[in-house]
Protein backbone atom coordinates (compact mmCIF):
# COMPACT_ATOMS: atom_id res chain seq x y z
CA MET A 1 89.11 90.00 113.66
CA TYR A 2 91.17 93.26 113.19
CA ARG A 3 93.12 93.44 109.95
CA CYS A 4 96.73 94.67 110.26
CA VAL A 5 99.66 95.33 108.03
CA LEU A 6 103.43 95.20 108.98
CA LEU A 7 106.20 97.33 107.69
CA TYR A 8 109.82 96.64 108.33
CA TYR A 9 113.28 97.45 107.03
CA PRO A 10 116.06 95.12 105.71
CA GLY A 11 117.90 93.62 108.63
CA GLY A 12 115.28 94.50 111.12
CA GLY A 13 115.39 91.87 113.71
CA THR A 14 111.86 92.33 115.06
CA THR A 15 109.99 91.12 112.11
CA ASN A 16 109.74 87.56 113.31
CA LEU A 17 108.75 88.62 116.76
CA LEU A 18 106.01 90.75 115.54
CA LEU A 19 104.70 88.04 113.18
CA LYS A 20 104.67 85.61 116.20
CA CYS A 21 102.93 88.07 118.38
CA ILE A 22 100.26 88.88 115.65
CA GLU A 23 99.56 85.27 115.14
CA ARG A 24 99.36 84.43 118.85
CA THR A 25 96.73 87.00 119.53
CA GLY A 26 93.93 85.24 117.71
CA CYS A 27 92.19 88.61 116.98
CA LEU A 28 94.60 90.02 114.36
CA GLU A 29 94.73 89.00 110.71
CA LEU A 30 97.91 90.01 108.88
CA ILE A 31 96.74 91.07 105.44
CA TRP A 32 100.05 92.60 104.03
CA SER A 33 103.58 92.48 105.20
CA GLY A 34 106.59 94.09 103.51
CA LEU A 35 109.68 96.22 103.35
CA TYR A 36 109.33 99.97 103.33
CA SER A 37 110.83 99.89 99.78
CA ASP A 38 107.82 97.70 98.70
CA LEU A 39 105.65 100.78 99.18
CA ASN A 40 107.31 102.32 96.03
CA ARG A 41 105.62 99.58 93.95
CA ILE A 42 102.64 98.45 96.13
CA PRO A 43 100.87 100.98 98.28
CA LEU A 44 99.49 99.91 101.75
CA PRO A 45 96.17 98.25 101.30
CA PRO A 46 93.53 101.06 101.64
CA ALA A 47 90.68 101.27 104.09
CA GLU A 48 90.46 97.57 104.75
CA ARG A 49 93.23 97.79 107.25
CA ASP A 50 92.59 98.57 110.91
CA LEU A 51 96.08 98.78 112.33
CA VAL A 52 99.62 99.37 111.03
CA PHE A 53 102.67 97.88 112.73
CA ALA A 54 105.94 99.50 111.71
CA SER A 55 109.51 98.49 112.86
CA LEU A 56 111.79 101.59 112.80
CA PRO A 57 115.55 101.65 112.15
CA ALA A 58 117.95 104.07 113.87
CA PRO A 59 116.40 107.57 114.20
CA ASP A 60 118.81 109.16 111.84
CA HIS A 61 118.50 106.41 109.11
CA PRO A 62 117.65 107.86 105.81
CA LEU A 63 114.80 105.47 105.27
CA LEU A 64 112.77 107.44 107.79
CA GLU A 65 112.84 110.64 105.84
CA GLY A 66 111.36 108.89 102.78
CA TYR A 67 108.51 107.29 104.59
CA TRP A 68 107.81 109.68 107.51
CA GLN A 69 104.70 111.17 105.78
CA GLU A 70 103.34 107.73 105.08
CA LEU A 71 103.70 106.74 108.74
CA ARG A 72 102.16 109.97 110.02
CA ALA A 73 99.21 109.48 107.73
CA GLN A 74 98.23 106.14 109.49
CA LYS A 75 95.18 106.60 111.82
CA TYR A 76 96.25 103.68 114.12
CA LEU A 77 99.97 102.98 114.14
CA VAL A 78 102.01 100.81 116.59
CA LEU A 79 105.79 101.45 116.29
CA THR A 80 108.69 99.35 117.33
CA SER A 81 112.35 100.06 117.54
CA PRO A 82 115.52 99.11 119.40
CA TYR A 83 115.84 102.93 120.20
CA PRO A 84 113.76 104.71 122.70
CA GLU A 85 110.58 106.57 121.68
CA LYS A 86 111.85 109.99 122.70
CA LEU A 87 114.34 109.84 119.77
CA PHE A 88 111.45 109.64 117.26
CA VAL A 89 109.20 112.40 118.56
CA ARG A 90 108.10 114.71 115.69
CA ASP A 91 105.26 117.17 115.18
CA GLY A 92 102.10 115.48 114.27
CA TRP A 93 103.30 112.07 115.36
CA HIS A 94 100.78 110.24 117.52
CA PRO A 95 101.25 106.43 117.39
CA VAL A 96 98.86 104.42 119.48
CA ALA A 97 101.75 102.61 121.20
CA PHE A 98 105.43 102.43 120.95
CA LEU A 99 107.39 99.13 121.81
CA THR A 100 110.97 99.26 122.56
CA GLU A 101 112.73 96.10 121.28
CA PRO A 102 113.05 93.51 122.48
CA PHE A 103 109.58 93.46 123.87
CA SER A 104 107.59 90.69 125.51
CA PHE A 105 104.16 89.24 124.45
CA ASP A 106 102.62 90.98 127.42
CA GLN A 107 103.98 94.38 126.32
CA PHE A 108 102.56 93.48 122.77
CA GLN A 109 99.21 92.92 124.35
CA GLN A 110 99.33 96.03 126.19
CA ALA A 111 99.94 97.99 122.92
CA LEU A 112 97.11 96.04 121.37
CA GLN A 113 94.91 97.06 124.33
CA GLN A 114 95.88 100.72 123.78
CA TYR A 115 94.64 100.35 120.19
CA LEU A 116 91.43 98.73 121.30
CA ASP A 117 90.84 101.43 123.90
CA SER A 118 91.36 104.16 121.23
CA ILE A 119 88.66 102.85 118.90
CA LEU A 120 85.95 102.32 121.65
């Protein structure tokens, strides 16, 4: 079982899709889920997490500036957004996978496989 956390923003429509995909895999355990703003009160669980899923708002959304460093610090990160990946490219940014919303369960599994390949 791989332990994961999920970060999302208010109004993000992908949260339910991500939750369903995580549950459906059978190999992921969601240990924490919350809004980016929750990080102001409760930090991400430390080393007991294996993978972070983060749903991103528009590339110019002010939310990203406040949490960019937190996301960059994640060793294994899968990003989702309704906007293409090229709009989020920044120095030092190396997510394991990027899913453009809406995505299928097969695409989610491919992202999970990229994570598994990166740890082996």
